[in-house]
Amino acid sequence: MTKNEQKEKYYLTEVDKIDSSIYCYHDQMGEIFIEEHGHNKGQFIYTEGGIVHIKTETKTHFLPARHYMWIPPNVKHSIYPRTPEVIMRNLYFPILQKDSVFYRTEGIYPISDLLRLMLCYTRKWSGDILITDEERFPIVAAFKVLLPQISIKPLMLTLPRANDPRLEKMTYYLKDNLDKNISLSEIASYMCMSERSFHRLFKSDFNMPFIHYYTLLRMFKAVEYILENKYTIGEIALMVGYSSLPTFSNTFVKILGKRPSEYLRGNNIYV
């Protein structure tokens, strides 16, 4: 069995073999696409060294370095690391009926120093951790208890997926032209629609205004450029359609919670 096949087997079959265990898995994923699957357990997934796209049935989640996503039990999802150096650290927890509502909702959060240190402590562990394991189980059990207490407000790092084929085509057009500041009238013209008709179609399909979707798309691409470490912040602003550096920086802070220059400093890998 190849290394890629072993990884796919882990994601698709190994996690739920023992219902009561907490499952632990750390690995450098490369650029391996993990097909759509689900788990009976809830999944904590944290990334270092790059960006991971996680797609559910209705959304595309954008998981950047030094952030984590909580995926509730039985939520179908696929995983695609955007850069070969990505390391993903995963913990899978049985979720009980009495557990907090936090565990029933998808969300992306910046990791706290406490959670990061606890997670790094587990980085050499792999596989099932049972309640009889007196050294390891108390640590991962405490990790689960801390999640809803520390993870107060999720970041809006999610894009809805288009249902209408016309809008799906439009999303590709936007991604190919992020260096241009495309207006609502311009994209409506591209769609051969009036502004009013396009606005109504977009909002009914995506459940958000066009400008909000477009801003998220630009900020997510900006993070990818930042992590490449090839461009200045000013160059990146222009590459995602912002002629004003202060406007770009302020928008970035609003979406990501920190300034572009601060973001790169958090892209470390802990081995």
C-alpha atoms as a PDB file:
ATOM      1  CA  MET A   1       0.000   0.000   0.000  1.00  0.00           C
ATOM      2  CA  THR A   2       1.411   3.414  -0.987  1.00  0.00           C
ATOM      3  CA  LYS A   3       1.726   6.286   1.488  1.00  0.00           C
ATOM      4  CA  ASN A   4      -1.130   8.109  -0.253  1.00  0.00           C
ATOM      5  CA  GLU A   5      -3.355   5.037   0.014  1.00  0.00           C
ATOM      6  CA  GLN A   6      -2.497   4.721   3.701  1.00  0.00           C
ATOM      7  CA  LYS A   7      -3.556   8.307   4.298  1.00  0.00           C
ATOM      8  CA  GLU A   8      -6.831   7.820   2.466  1.00  0.00           C
ATOM      9  CA  LYS A   9      -7.488   4.636   4.443  1.00  0.00           C
ATOM     10  CA  TYR A  10      -6.912   6.496   7.703  1.00  0.00           C
ATOM     11  CA  TYR A  11      -9.352   9.248   6.733  1.00  0.00           C
ATOM     12  CA  LEU A  12     -12.018   6.928   5.418  1.00  0.00           C
ATOM     13  CA  THR A  13     -11.942   3.861   7.685  1.00  0.00           C
ATOM     14  CA  GLU A  14      -9.732   4.050  10.766  1.00  0.00           C
ATOM     15  CA  VAL A  15     -11.207   6.872  12.841  1.00  0.00           C
ATOM     16  CA  ASP A  16     -14.473   5.156  13.823  1.00  0.00           C
ATOM     17  CA  LYS A  17     -13.237   1.604  14.404  1.00  0.00           C
ATOM     18  CA  ILE A  18     -13.455   2.044  18.189  1.00  0.00           C
ATOM     19  CA  ASP A  19     -16.498   4.143  19.118  1.00  0.00           C
ATOM     20  CA  SER A  20     -15.238   5.210  22.543  1.00  0.00           C
ATOM     21  CA  SER A  21     -11.689   6.189  21.582  1.00  0.00           C
ATOM     22  CA  ILE A  22     -10.263   9.632  20.901  1.00  0.00           C
ATOM     23  CA  TYR A  23      -8.338   9.273  17.658  1.00  0.00           C
ATOM     24  CA  CYS A  24      -5.139  11.245  17.026  1.00  0.00           C
ATOM     25  CA  TYR A  25      -3.361  11.776  13.702  1.00  0.00           C
ATOM     26  CA  HIS A  26      -0.630  14.206  12.557  1.00  0.00           C
ATOM     27  CA  ASP A  27       0.834  14.234   9.070  1.00  0.00           C
ATOM     28  CA  GLN A  28       2.363  16.285   6.299  1.00  0.00           C
ATOM     29  CA  MET A  29      -0.300  15.930   3.647  1.00  0.00           C
ATOM     30  CA  GLY A  30       1.505  17.270   0.607  1.00  0.00           C
ATOM     31  CA  GLU A  31      -1.125  18.094  -2.008  1.00  0.00           C
ATOM     32  CA  ILE A  32      -3.217  14.954  -1.527  1.00  0.00           C
ATOM     33  CA  PHE A  33      -6.927  15.364  -2.139  1.00  0.00           C
ATOM     34  CA  ILE A  34      -9.049  13.454   0.383  1.00  0.00           C
ATOM     35  CA  GLU A  35     -12.362  12.498  -1.169  1.00  0.00           C
ATOM     36  CA  GLU A  36     -15.713  13.272   0.429  1.00  0.00           C
ATOM     37  CA  HIS A  37     -16.256  11.296   3.612  1.00  0.00           C
ATOM     38  CA  GLY A  38     -17.657  11.620   7.113  1.00  0.00           C
ATOM     39  CA  HIS A  39     -16.994  10.352  10.630  1.00  0.00           C
ATOM     40  CA  ASN A  40     -19.206   9.349  13.517  1.00  0.00           C
ATOM     41  CA  LYS A  41     -16.844  11.392  15.685  1.00  0.00           C
ATOM     42  CA  GLY A  42     -16.388  15.139  15.677  1.00  0.00           C
ATOM     43  CA  GLN A  43     -13.145  16.355  14.112  1.00  0.00           C
ATOM     44  CA  PHE A  44     -10.704  19.029  15.266  1.00  0.00           C
ATOM     45  CA  ILE A  45      -8.408  19.861  12.346  1.00  0.00           C
ATOM     46  CA  TYR A  46      -5.532  22.330  12.692  1.00  0.00           C
ATOM     47  CA  THR A  47      -3.131  23.374   9.954  1.00  0.00           C
ATOM     48  CA  GLU A  48       0.474  24.573   9.897  1.00  0.00           C
ATOM     49  CA  GLY A  49       2.599  25.755   6.995  1.00  0.00           C
ATOM     50  CA  GLY A  50      -0.070  26.702   4.495  1.00  0.00           C
ATOM     51  CA  ILE A  51      -3.737  26.587   3.583  1.00  0.00           C
ATOM     52  CA  VAL A  52      -6.350  23.851   3.448  1.00  0.00           C
ATOM     53  CA  HIS A  53      -9.690  23.991   1.630  1.00  0.00           C
ATOM     54  CA  ILE A  54     -12.438  21.934   3.251  1.00  0.00           C
ATOM     55  CA  LYS A  55     -15.609  21.476   1.227  1.00  0.00           C
ATOM     56  CA  THR A  56     -18.940  20.434   2.680  1.00  0.00           C
ATOM     57  CA  GLU A  57     -22.158  19.957   0.713  1.00  0.00           C
ATOM     58  CA  THR A  58     -23.008  23.661   0.630  1.00  0.00           C
ATOM     59  CA  LYS A  59     -19.813  25.570   1.515  1.00  0.00           C
ATOM     60  CA  THR A  60     -16.097  25.866   0.916  1.00  0.00           C
ATOM     61  CA  HIS A  61     -14.188  26.533   4.133  1.00  0.00           C
ATOM     62  CA  PHE A  62     -10.840  28.291   3.967  1.00  0.00           C
ATOM     63  CA  LEU A  63      -8.533  27.050   6.746  1.00  0.00           C
ATOM     64  CA  PRO A  64      -5.280  29.056   6.939  1.00  0.00           C
ATOM     65  CA  ALA A  65      -2.215  28.307   9.020  1.00  0.00           C
ATOM     66  CA  ARG A  66      -2.506  28.739  12.805  1.00  0.00           C
ATOM     67  CA  HIS A  67      -6.277  28.240  12.696  1.00  0.00           C
ATOM     68  CA  TYR A  68      -8.433  25.219  13.293  1.00  0.00           C
ATOM     69  CA  MET A  69     -11.814  23.999  12.151  1.00  0.00           C
ATOM     70  CA  TRP A  70     -14.342  22.015  14.123  1.00  0.00           C
ATOM     71  CA  ILE A  71     -16.333  19.568  11.970  1.00  0.00           C
ATOM     72  CA  PRO A  72     -19.369  18.028  13.718  1.00  0.00           C
ATOM     73  CA  PRO A  73     -20.084  14.289  13.579  1.00  0.00           C
ATOM     74  CA  ASN A  74     -21.415  12.902  10.279  1.00  0.00           C
ATOM     75  CA  VAL A  75     -20.799  16.079   8.258  1.00  0.00           C
ATOM     76  CA  LYS A  76     -19.638  15.021   4.804  1.00  0.00           C
ATOM     77  CA  HIS A  77     -16.490  16.856   3.739  1.00  0.00           C
ATOM     78  CA  SER A  78     -13.513  16.678   1.393  1.00  0.00           C
ATOM     79  CA  ILE A  79     -10.031  18.057   2.101  1.00  0.00           C
ATOM     80  CA  TYR A  80      -7.527  19.653  -0.234  1.00  0.00           C
ATOM     81  CA  PRO A  81      -4.220  21.115   1.028  1.00  0.00           C
ATOM     82  CA  ARG A  82      -3.228  24.029  -1.195  1.00  0.00           C
ATOM     83  CA  THR A  83       0.520  23.786  -0.584  1.00  0.00           C
ATOM     84  CA  PRO A  84       2.775  20.702  -0.317  1.00  0.00           C
ATOM     85  CA  GLU A  85       4.318  21.681   3.029  1.00  0.00           C
ATOM     86  CA  VAL A  86       1.006  21.660   4.897  1.00  0.00           C
ATOM     87  CA  ILE A  87       0.908  19.708   8.151  1.00  0.00           C
ATOM     88  CA  MET A  88      -2.520  18.840   9.532  1.00  0.00           C
ATOM     89  CA  ARG A  89      -3.021  17.871  13.153  1.00  0.00           C
ATOM     90  CA  ASN A  90      -6.259  16.026  13.863  1.00  0.00           C
ATOM     91  CA  LEU A  91      -8.138  14.892  16.949  1.00  0.00           C
ATOM     92  CA  TYR A  92     -11.444  13.018  16.683  1.00  0.00           C
ATOM     93  CA  PHE A  93     -13.822  12.941  19.634  1.00  0.00           C
ATOM     94  CA  PRO A  94     -16.946  10.903  20.425  1.00  0.00           C
ATOM     95  CA  ILE A  95     -19.799  13.383  20.887  1.00  0.00           C
ATOM     96  CA  LEU A  96     -22.531  12.599  23.382  1.00  0.00           C
ATOM     97  CA  GLN A  97     -26.106  13.892  23.493  1.00  0.00           C
ATOM     98  CA  LYS A  98     -25.360  15.861  26.673  1.00  0.00           C
ATOM     99  CA  ASP A  99     -22.349  17.642  25.155  1.00  0.00           C
ATOM    100  CA  SER A 100     -22.295  21.379  24.404  1.00  0.00           C
ATOM    101  CA  VAL A 101     -24.041  22.687  21.282  1.00  0.00           C
ATOM    102  CA  PHE A 102     -20.592  23.887  20.184  1.00  0.00           C
ATOM    103  CA  TYR A 103     -19.846  20.369  18.954  1.00  0.00           C
ATOM    104  CA  ARG A 104     -22.847  20.442  16.571  1.00  0.00           C
ATOM    105  CA  THR A 105     -21.767  23.475  14.518  1.00  0.00           C
ATOM    106  CA  GLU A 106     -19.040  23.929  11.902  1.00  0.00           C
ATOM    107  CA  GLY A 107     -16.637  26.751  12.666  1.00  0.00           C
ATOM    108  CA  ILE A 108     -13.118  28.099  12.062  1.00  0.00           C
ATOM    109  CA  TYR A 109     -11.206  29.732  14.914  1.00  0.00           C
ATOM    110  CA  PRO A 110      -7.727  31.144  15.571  1.00  0.00           C
ATOM    111  CA  ILE A 111      -5.904  28.782  17.898  1.00  0.00           C
ATOM    112  CA  SER A 112      -5.062  29.954  21.405  1.00  0.00           C
ATOM    113  CA  ASP A 113      -1.588  29.510  22.877  1.00  0.00           C
ATOM    114  CA  LEU A 114      -2.978  26.998  25.382  1.00  0.00           C
ATOM    115  CA  LEU A 115      -4.602  24.785  22.735  1.00  0.00           C
ATOM    116  CA  ARG A 116      -1.528  25.008  20.505  1.00  0.00           C
ATOM    117  CA  LEU A 117       0.802  23.888  23.290  1.00  0.00           C
ATOM    118  CA  MET A 118      -1.493  20.992  24.219  1.00  0.00           C
ATOM    119  CA  LEU A 119      -1.777  19.984  20.567  1.00  0.00           C
ATOM    120  CA  CYS A 120       2.008  20.101  20.072  1.00  0.00           C
ATOM    121  CA  TYR A 121       2.353  17.846  23.099  1.00  0.00           C
ATOM    122  CA  THR A 122       0.378  15.193  21.171  1.00  0.00           C
ATOM    123  CA  ARG A 123       2.354  15.547  17.925  1.00  0.00           C
ATOM    124  CA  LYS A 124       4.130  12.190  18.262  1.00  0.00           C
ATOM    125  CA  TRP A 125       0.936  10.299  19.055  1.00  0.00           C
ATOM    126  CA  SER A 126      -1.053   8.343  16.502  1.00  0.00           C
ATOM    127  CA  GLY A 127      -4.169   6.196  16.511  1.00  0.00           C
ATOM    128  CA  ASP A 128      -6.754   5.364  19.168  1.00  0.00           C
ATOM    129  CA  ILE A 129      -6.414   6.743  22.688  1.00  0.00           C
ATOM    130  CA  LEU A 130      -8.581   4.840  25.174  1.00  0.00           C
ATOM    131  CA  ILE A 131      -9.807   5.807  28.627  1.00  0.00           C
ATOM    132  CA  THR A 132      -7.530   3.100  30.042  1.00  0.00           C
ATOM    133  CA  ASP A 133      -4.490   5.038  28.800  1.00  0.00           C
ATOM    134  CA  GLU A 134      -3.720   6.883  32.033  1.00  0.00           C
ATOM    135  CA  GLU A 135      -1.008   9.103  30.526  1.00  0.00           C
ATOM    136  CA  ARG A 136      -2.527  10.268  27.238  1.00  0.00           C
ATOM    137  CA  PHE A 137      -6.313  10.116  27.664  1.00  0.00           C
ATOM    138  CA  PRO A 138      -6.611  12.851  30.358  1.00  0.00           C
ATOM    139  CA  ILE A 139      -4.776  15.286  28.076  1.00  0.00           C
ATOM    140  CA  VAL A 140      -6.977  14.801  25.005  1.00  0.00           C
ATOM    141  CA  ALA A 141     -10.141  14.620  27.141  1.00  0.00           C
ATOM    142  CA  ALA A 142      -9.227  18.000  28.689  1.00  0.00           C
ATOM    143  CA  PHE A 143      -8.595  19.321  25.165  1.00  0.00           C
ATOM    144  CA  LYS A 144     -12.189  18.489  24.218  1.00  0.00           C
ATOM    145  CA  VAL A 145     -13.582  20.160  27.340  1.00  0.00           C
ATOM    146  CA  LEU A 146     -11.604  23.349  26.644  1.00  0.00           C
ATOM    147  CA  LEU A 147     -12.761  23.781  23.027  1.00  0.00           C
ATOM    148  CA  PRO A 148     -16.193  25.378  23.664  1.00  0.00           C
ATOM    149  CA  GLN A 149     -14.775  27.506  26.496  1.00  0.00           C
ATOM    150  CA  ILE A 150     -11.952  29.001  24.419  1.00  0.00           C
ATOM    151  CA  SER A 151     -13.581  29.070  20.967  1.00  0.00           C
ATOM    152  CA  ILE A 152     -15.995  31.949  21.448  1.00  0.00           C
ATOM    153  CA  LYS A 153     -16.547  33.496  18.016  1.00  0.00           C
ATOM    154  CA  PRO A 154     -15.914  31.724  14.688  1.00  0.00           C
ATOM    155  CA  LEU A 155     -14.267  33.612  11.844  1.00  0.00           C
ATOM    156  CA  MET A 156     -16.216  34.049   8.613  1.00  0.00           C
ATOM    157  CA  LEU A 157     -13.708  32.130   6.487  1.00  0.00           C
ATOM    158  CA  THR A 158     -16.353  30.375   4.425  1.00  0.00           C
ATOM    159  CA  LEU A 159     -17.702  30.791   0.910  1.00  0.00           C
ATOM    160  CA  PRO A 160     -21.048  29.323  -0.160  1.00  0.00           C
ATOM    161  CA  ARG A 161     -21.008  27.005  -3.147  1.00  0.00           C
ATOM    162  CA  ALA A 162     -23.073  27.968  -6.192  1.00  0.00           C
ATOM    163  CA  ASN A 163     -26.174  25.966  -7.091  1.00  0.00           C
ATOM    164  CA  ASP A 164     -26.948  27.881 -10.289  1.00  0.00           C
ATOM    165  CA  PRO A 165     -24.518  26.921 -13.119  1.00  0.00           C
ATOM    166  CA  ARG A 166     -24.406  30.560 -14.263  1.00  0.00           C
ATOM    167  CA  LEU A 167     -23.096  31.635 -10.876  1.00  0.00           C
ATOM    168  CA  GLU A 168     -20.593  28.804 -10.790  1.00  0.00           C
ATOM    169  CA  LYS A 169     -19.161  30.100 -14.067  1.00  0.00           C
ATOM    170  CA  MET A 170     -19.088  33.601 -12.571  1.00  0.00           C
ATOM    171  CA  THR A 171     -17.001  32.437  -9.578  1.00  0.00           C
ATOM    172  CA  TYR A 172     -14.304  31.162 -11.949  1.00  0.00           C
ATOM    173  CA  TYR A 173     -14.336  34.488 -13.766  1.00  0.00           C
ATOM    174  CA  LEU A 174     -13.833  36.361 -10.488  1.00  0.00           C
ATOM    175  CA  LYS A 175     -10.967  34.098  -9.427  1.00  0.00           C
ATOM    176  CA  ASP A 176      -9.248  34.644 -12.776  1.00  0.00           C
ATOM    177  CA  ASN A 177      -9.571  38.434 -12.518  1.00  0.00           C
ATOM    178  CA  LEU A 178      -8.866  39.250  -8.891  1.00  0.00           C
ATOM    179  CA  ASP A 179      -6.304  41.887  -9.876  1.00  0.00           C
ATOM    180  CA  LYS A 180      -9.170  44.000 -11.242  1.00  0.00           C
ATOM    181  CA  ASN A 181     -11.618  45.895  -9.054  1.00  0.00           C
ATOM    182  CA  ILE A 182     -14.780  44.456 -10.609  1.00  0.00           C
ATOM    183  CA  SER A 183     -17.985  46.377  -9.912  1.00  0.00           C
ATOM    184  CA  LEU A 184     -21.500  44.999  -9.580  1.00  0.00           C
ATOM    185  CA  SER A 185     -22.450  46.550 -12.920  1.00  0.00           C
ATOM    186  CA  GLU A 186     -19.450  44.945 -14.653  1.00  0.00           C
ATOM    187  CA  ILE A 187     -20.173  41.454 -13.351  1.00  0.00           C
ATOM    188  CA  ALA A 188     -23.884  41.856 -14.172  1.00  0.00           C
ATOM    189  CA  SER A 189     -22.909  42.803 -17.722  1.00  0.00           C
ATOM    190  CA  TYR A 190     -20.634  39.747 -17.910  1.00  0.00           C
ATOM    191  CA  MET A 191     -23.638  37.651 -16.862  1.00  0.00           C
ATOM    192  CA  CYS A 192     -25.822  39.406 -19.479  1.00  0.00           C
ATOM    193  CA  MET A 193     -28.211  40.498 -16.752  1.00  0.00           C
ATOM    194  CA  SER A 194     -29.436  43.746 -15.253  1.00  0.00           C
ATOM    195  CA  GLU A 195     -27.868  44.748 -11.946  1.00  0.00           C
ATOM    196  CA  ARG A 196     -31.161  44.193 -10.171  1.00  0.00           C
ATOM    197  CA  SER A 197     -31.694  40.722 -11.623  1.00  0.00           C
ATOM    198  CA  PHE A 198     -28.114  39.683 -10.905  1.00  0.00           C
ATOM    199  CA  HIS A 199     -28.270  40.987  -7.328  1.00  0.00           C
ATOM    200  CA  ARG A 200     -31.495  39.080  -6.712  1.00  0.00           C
ATOM    201  CA  LEU A 201     -30.134  35.838  -8.235  1.00  0.00           C
ATOM    202  CA  PHE A 202     -26.836  36.108  -6.359  1.00  0.00           C
ATOM    203  CA  LYS A 203     -28.379  36.784  -2.974  1.00  0.00           C
ATOM    204  CA  SER A 204     -30.980  34.034  -3.312  1.00  0.00           C
ATOM    205  CA  ASP A 205     -28.304  31.457  -4.241  1.00  0.00           C
ATOM    206  CA  PHE A 206     -25.403  32.530  -1.976  1.00  0.00           C
ATOM    207  CA  ASN A 207     -27.420  34.060   0.863  1.00  0.00           C
ATOM    208  CA  MET A 208     -25.059  37.051   0.985  1.00  0.00           C
ATOM    209  CA  PRO A 209     -24.523  40.226  -1.067  1.00  0.00           C
ATOM    210  CA  PHE A 210     -22.126  40.093  -4.002  1.00  0.00           C
ATOM    211  CA  ILE A 211     -19.709  42.607  -2.451  1.00  0.00           C
ATOM    212  CA  HIS A 212     -19.310  40.482   0.686  1.00  0.00           C
ATOM    213  CA  TYR A 213     -18.586  37.334  -1.329  1.00  0.00           C
ATOM    214  CA  TYR A 214     -16.147  39.217  -3.562  1.00  0.00           C
ATOM    215  CA  THR A 215     -14.315  40.691  -0.554  1.00  0.00           C
ATOM    216  CA  LEU A 216     -13.916  37.276   1.063  1.00  0.00           C
ATOM    217  CA  LEU A 217     -12.596  35.818  -2.194  1.00  0.00           C
ATOM    218  CA  ARG A 218      -9.996  38.570  -2.472  1.00  0.00           C
ATOM    219  CA  MET A 219      -8.867  38.260   1.143  1.00  0.00           C
ATOM    220  CA  PHE A 220      -8.519  34.472   0.889  1.00  0.00           C
ATOM    221  CA  LYS A 221      -6.337  34.850  -2.199  1.00  0.00           C
ATOM    222  CA  ALA A 222      -4.286  37.497  -0.393  1.00  0.00           C
ATOM    223  CA  VAL A 223      -3.513  35.000   2.374  1.00  0.00           C
ATOM    224  CA  GLU A 224      -2.255  32.524  -0.224  1.00  0.00           C
ATOM    225  CA  TYR A 225       0.065  35.182  -1.649  1.00  0.00           C
ATOM    226  CA  ILE A 226       1.308  36.133   1.826  1.00  0.00           C
ATOM    227  CA  LEU A 227       2.159  32.532   2.651  1.00  0.00           C
ATOM    228  CA  GLU A 228       4.146  32.205  -0.586  1.00  0.00           C
ATOM    229  CA  ASN A 229       6.495  34.834   0.878  1.00  0.00           C
ATOM    230  CA  LYS A 230       7.381  36.173  -2.580  1.00  0.00           C
ATOM    231  CA  TYR A 231       5.641  39.545  -2.623  1.00  0.00           C
ATOM    232  CA  THR A 232       5.434  42.729  -0.574  1.00  0.00           C
ATOM    233  CA  ILE A 233       2.116  43.601   1.076  1.00  0.00           C
ATOM    234  CA  GLY A 234       1.754  46.467  -1.393  1.00  0.00           C
ATOM    235  CA  GLU A 235       2.185  44.097  -4.343  1.00  0.00           C
ATOM    236  CA  ILE A 236      -0.355  41.681  -2.884  1.00  0.00           C
ATOM    237  CA  ALA A 237      -2.888  44.477  -2.435  1.00  0.00           C
ATOM    238  CA  LEU A 238      -2.627  45.276  -6.146  1.00  0.00           C
ATOM    239  CA  MET A 239      -2.771  41.577  -7.076  1.00  0.00           C
ATOM    240  CA  VAL A 240      -6.179  41.264  -5.412  1.00  0.00           C
ATOM    241  CA  GLY A 241      -7.565  44.491  -6.823  1.00  0.00           C
ATOM    242  CA  TYR A 242      -6.841  47.092  -4.123  1.00  0.00           C
ATOM    243  CA  SER A 243      -5.143  50.343  -5.218  1.00  0.00           C
ATOM    244  CA  SER A 244      -5.170  51.629  -1.629  1.00  0.00           C
ATOM    245  CA  LEU A 245      -2.879  49.800   0.809  1.00  0.00           C
ATOM    246  CA  PRO A 246      -4.670  51.139   3.941  1.00  0.00           C
ATOM    247  CA  THR A 247      -8.041  49.981   2.573  1.00  0.00           C
ATOM    248  CA  PHE A 248      -6.617  46.546   1.829  1.00  0.00           C
ATOM    249  CA  SER A 249      -4.985  46.271   5.257  1.00  0.00           C
ATOM    250  CA  ASN A 250      -8.114  47.397   7.120  1.00  0.00           C
ATOM    251  CA  THR A 251     -10.282  44.959   5.164  1.00  0.00           C
ATOM    252  CA  PHE A 252      -7.814  42.155   5.881  1.00  0.00           C
ATOM    253  CA  VAL A 253      -7.980  42.888   9.617  1.00  0.00           C
ATOM    254  CA  LYS A 254     -11.776  42.864   9.528  1.00  0.00           C
ATOM    255  CA  ILE A 255     -11.860  39.407   7.916  1.00  0.00           C
ATOM    256  CA  LEU A 256      -8.766  37.678   9.364  1.00  0.00           C
ATOM    257  CA  GLY A 257      -8.448  39.446  12.713  1.00  0.00           C
ATOM    258  CA  LYS A 258      -4.866  40.656  12.212  1.00  0.00           C
ATOM    259  CA  ARG A 259      -2.841  42.766   9.802  1.00  0.00           C
ATOM    260  CA  PRO A 260      -1.215  41.171   6.724  1.00  0.00           C
ATOM    261  CA  SER A 261       2.278  41.826   8.096  1.00  0.00           C
ATOM    262  CA  GLU A 262       1.362  40.038  11.346  1.00  0.00           C
ATOM    263  CA  TYR A 263      -0.086  37.066   9.545  1.00  0.00           C
ATOM    264  CA  LEU A 264       3.126  35.702   8.061  1.00  0.00           C
ATOM    265  CA  ARG A 265       4.843  35.621  11.453  1.00  0.00           C
ATOM    266  CA  GLY A 266       2.321  33.037  12.623  1.00  0.00           C
ATOM    267  CA  ASN A 267       2.988  30.582   9.796  1.00  0.00           C
ATOM    268  CA  ASN A 268       5.348  28.317  11.723  1.00  0.00           C
ATOM    269  CA  ILE A 269       5.587  24.535  11.742  1.00  0.00           C
ATOM    270  CA  TYR A 270       6.183  22.806  15.062  1.00  0.00           C
ATOM    271  CA  VAL A 271       7.900  19.458  14.566  1.00  0.00           C
END
